[in-house]
């Protein structure tokens, strides 16, 4: 069984001191909502073996809040394709994961993260900031993940 957690980064400030989108930080509301999400994940005893984040500051800050809230000891992996990429880039990343891993958290951005979530449940929507969708997929191989093997779906939005 493979478990995927898709999380859209926490709410961010509209501007950054550098003027670059990649440098935008989460705002106070985003910080609180990311902590609430971490609490919900902890309450449900979800085991997350790897966190992969976009290199954008707001995504990495969100990932760090979740890592600390869940007392995860491993480092956060950064993946450029989660910032610059499209749906196929996200899926290629997932297909390339080592099969020894069974649970992975992806922290990314709209519209792409919503497009990827659609691949597993066919609901049409745009994820809100700090929203999470978790899918359990009946397979032992990351190359086999798809909607037909999705056995459960859990969503959280505060």
Protein backbone atom coordinates (compact mmCIF):
# COMPACT_ATOMS: atom_id res chain seq x y z
CA UNK A 1 0.00 0.00 0.00
CA UNK A 2 1.29 3.45 -0.93
CA UNK A 3 0.08 6.61 0.80
CA UNK A 4 0.33 10.04 -0.80
CA UNK A 5 -0.21 13.33 0.99
CA UNK A 6 -0.66 16.33 -1.29
CA UNK A 7 -0.48 19.68 0.48
CA UNK A 8 -0.79 23.12 -1.00
CA UNK A 9 1.55 25.55 0.76
CA UNK A 10 0.21 27.79 3.53
CA UNK A 11 -1.20 31.24 2.82
CA UNK A 12 1.57 33.62 1.78
CA UNK A 13 2.28 37.32 1.72
CA UNK A 14 1.53 38.95 -1.63
CA UNK A 15 5.04 40.35 -2.05
CA UNK A 16 8.57 39.48 -1.05
CA UNK A 17 11.43 41.86 -0.25
CA UNK A 18 13.23 40.63 -3.39
CA UNK A 19 10.12 41.06 -5.54
CA UNK A 20 10.42 37.42 -6.65
CA UNK A 21 7.52 35.01 -6.32
CA UNK A 22 9.81 32.19 -5.17
CA UNK A 23 10.82 34.29 -2.12
CA UNK A 24 7.29 34.93 -0.81
CA UNK A 25 6.92 33.89 2.85
CA UNK A 26 3.86 32.55 4.62
CA UNK A 27 1.84 35.10 6.54
CA UNK A 28 0.59 34.78 10.16
CA UNK A 29 -2.67 33.13 9.06
CA UNK A 30 -0.72 30.66 6.95
CA UNK A 31 1.51 29.82 9.91
CA UNK A 32 -1.49 29.07 12.15
CA UNK A 33 -3.24 26.97 9.48
CA UNK A 34 -0.08 24.96 8.79
CA UNK A 35 0.17 24.22 12.53
CA UNK A 36 -3.50 23.14 12.56
CA UNK A 37 -2.79 20.80 9.66
CA UNK A 38 0.22 19.34 11.49
CA UNK A 39 -2.00 18.78 14.56
CA UNK A 40 -4.60 16.98 12.43
CA UNK A 41 -1.97 14.74 10.84
CA UNK A 42 -0.52 13.95 14.26
CA UNK A 43 -3.97 13.26 15.72
CA UNK A 44 -4.54 10.69 12.97
CA UNK A 45 -1.14 9.05 13.55
CA UNK A 46 -0.12 9.31 9.92
CA UNK A 47 3.35 7.95 9.27
CA UNK A 48 5.20 10.03 6.68
CA UNK A 49 8.48 8.58 5.47
CA UNK A 50 9.53 11.41 3.16
CA UNK A 51 8.58 15.06 2.68
CA UNK A 52 9.27 16.54 -0.75
CA UNK A 53 8.79 20.28 -1.12
CA UNK A 54 8.95 22.92 -3.78
CA UNK A 55 11.97 25.17 -3.24
CA UNK A 56 9.69 28.21 -2.95
CA UNK A 57 10.06 29.78 0.48
CA UNK A 58 6.34 29.50 1.35
CA UNK A 59 6.26 25.78 0.47
CA UNK A 60 9.46 25.04 2.38
CA UNK A 61 8.18 26.98 5.43
CA UNK A 62 4.97 24.93 5.30
CA UNK A 63 6.95 21.68 5.04
CA UNK A 64 9.12 22.68 8.02
CA UNK A 65 6.07 23.43 10.18
CA UNK A 66 4.62 20.02 9.30
CA UNK A 67 7.95 18.26 9.90
CA UNK A 68 8.32 19.86 13.34
CA UNK A 69 4.66 19.30 14.27
CA UNK A 70 4.91 15.62 13.39
CA UNK A 71 8.36 15.19 14.99
CA UNK A 72 9.80 13.83 11.75
CA UNK A 73 13.56 13.39 11.95
CA UNK A 74 14.46 13.01 8.28
CA UNK A 75 15.35 15.98 6.12
CA UNK A 76 12.98 17.64 3.67
CA UNK A 77 13.84 16.94 0.02
CA UNK A 78 13.62 19.91 -2.35
CA UNK A 79 12.40 19.37 -5.89
CA UNK A 80 12.47 22.18 -8.46
CA UNK A 81 9.78 20.53 -10.58
CA UNK A 82 7.28 21.13 -7.75
CA UNK A 83 7.67 24.87 -8.39
CA UNK A 84 8.33 25.08 -12.10
CA UNK A 85 6.77 21.84 -13.31
CA UNK A 86 3.48 20.60 -14.66
CA UNK A 87 1.27 17.62 -13.83
CA UNK A 88 3.49 15.21 -15.76
CA UNK A 89 6.57 16.42 -13.84
CA UNK A 90 4.84 15.70 -10.52
CA UNK A 91 3.81 12.24 -11.71
CA UNK A 92 7.33 11.46 -12.99
CA UNK A 93 8.66 12.41 -9.56
CA UNK A 94 6.19 10.02 -7.89
CA UNK A 95 6.88 7.17 -10.34
CA UNK A 96 10.62 7.49 -9.63
CA UNK A 97 10.27 7.10 -5.85
CA UNK A 98 12.00 4.06 -4.34
CA UNK A 99 9.48 1.30 -3.70
CA UNK A 100 10.80 0.83 -0.14
CA UNK A 101 9.01 4.09 0.72
CA UNK A 102 5.34 3.65 1.46
CA UNK A 103 4.24 7.16 2.44
CA UNK A 104 5.25 10.46 0.89
CA UNK A 105 4.16 14.05 1.44
CA UNK A 106 4.31 16.52 -1.46
CA UNK A 107 4.14 20.25 -0.69
CA UNK A 108 3.45 22.25 -3.82
CA UNK A 109 1.49 24.93 -5.65
CA UNK A 110 -1.67 25.54 -7.60
CA UNK A 111 -2.73 24.95 -10.24
CA UNK A 112 -0.43 21.95 -10.67
CA UNK A 113 -1.00 20.26 -7.31
CA UNK A 114 -4.77 20.40 -7.89
CA UNK A 115 -4.27 18.86 -11.35
CA UNK A 116 -2.32 15.99 -9.77
CA UNK A 117 -4.94 15.42 -7.05
CA UNK A 118 -7.52 15.20 -9.84
CA UNK A 119 -5.56 12.21 -11.19
CA UNK A 120 -6.49 10.27 -8.05
CA UNK A 121 -10.12 11.25 -7.46
CA UNK A 122 -11.49 13.06 -10.54
CA UNK A 123 -13.03 15.86 -8.50
CA UNK A 124 -12.67 19.21 -10.19
CA UNK A 125 -11.53 21.88 -7.75
CA UNK A 126 -8.63 24.09 -6.86
CA UNK A 127 -6.93 23.34 -3.57
CA UNK A 128 -6.96 26.11 -1.01
CA UNK A 129 -3.84 27.08 0.92
CA UNK A 130 -2.95 24.59 3.69
CA UNK A 131 -5.39 22.08 2.24
CA UNK A 132 -4.40 18.42 2.28
CA UNK A 133 -5.56 15.41 0.31
CA UNK A 134 -4.35 11.96 1.32
CA UNK A 135 -4.76 8.90 -0.89
CA UNK A 136 -4.10 5.27 -0.07
CA UNK A 137 -3.30 3.31 -3.19
CA UNK A 138 -3.41 -0.47 -3.40
CA UNK A 139 0.00 -1.17 -4.91
CA UNK A 140 3.55 -1.91 -3.84
CA UNK A 141 5.07 -0.03 -6.78
CA UNK A 142 5.15 3.72 -7.29
CA UNK A 143 5.03 3.15 -11.04
CA UNK A 144 1.59 1.55 -10.51
CA UNK A 145 -0.17 4.42 -8.75
CA UNK A 146 -3.40 5.51 -10.43
CA UNK A 147 -7.05 6.26 -9.74
CA UNK A 148 -8.21 2.68 -10.30
CA UNK A 149 -6.03 1.52 -7.40
CA UNK A 150 -7.04 4.32 -5.01
CA UNK A 151 -8.78 2.67 -2.07
CA UNK A 152 -9.28 5.61 0.30
CA UNK A 153 -9.23 9.38 0.30
CA UNK A 154 -9.02 11.74 3.25
CA UNK A 155 -9.15 15.50 2.95
CA UNK A 156 -8.51 18.25 5.47
CA UNK A 157 -9.22 21.95 5.23
CA UNK A 158 -9.67 24.19 8.28
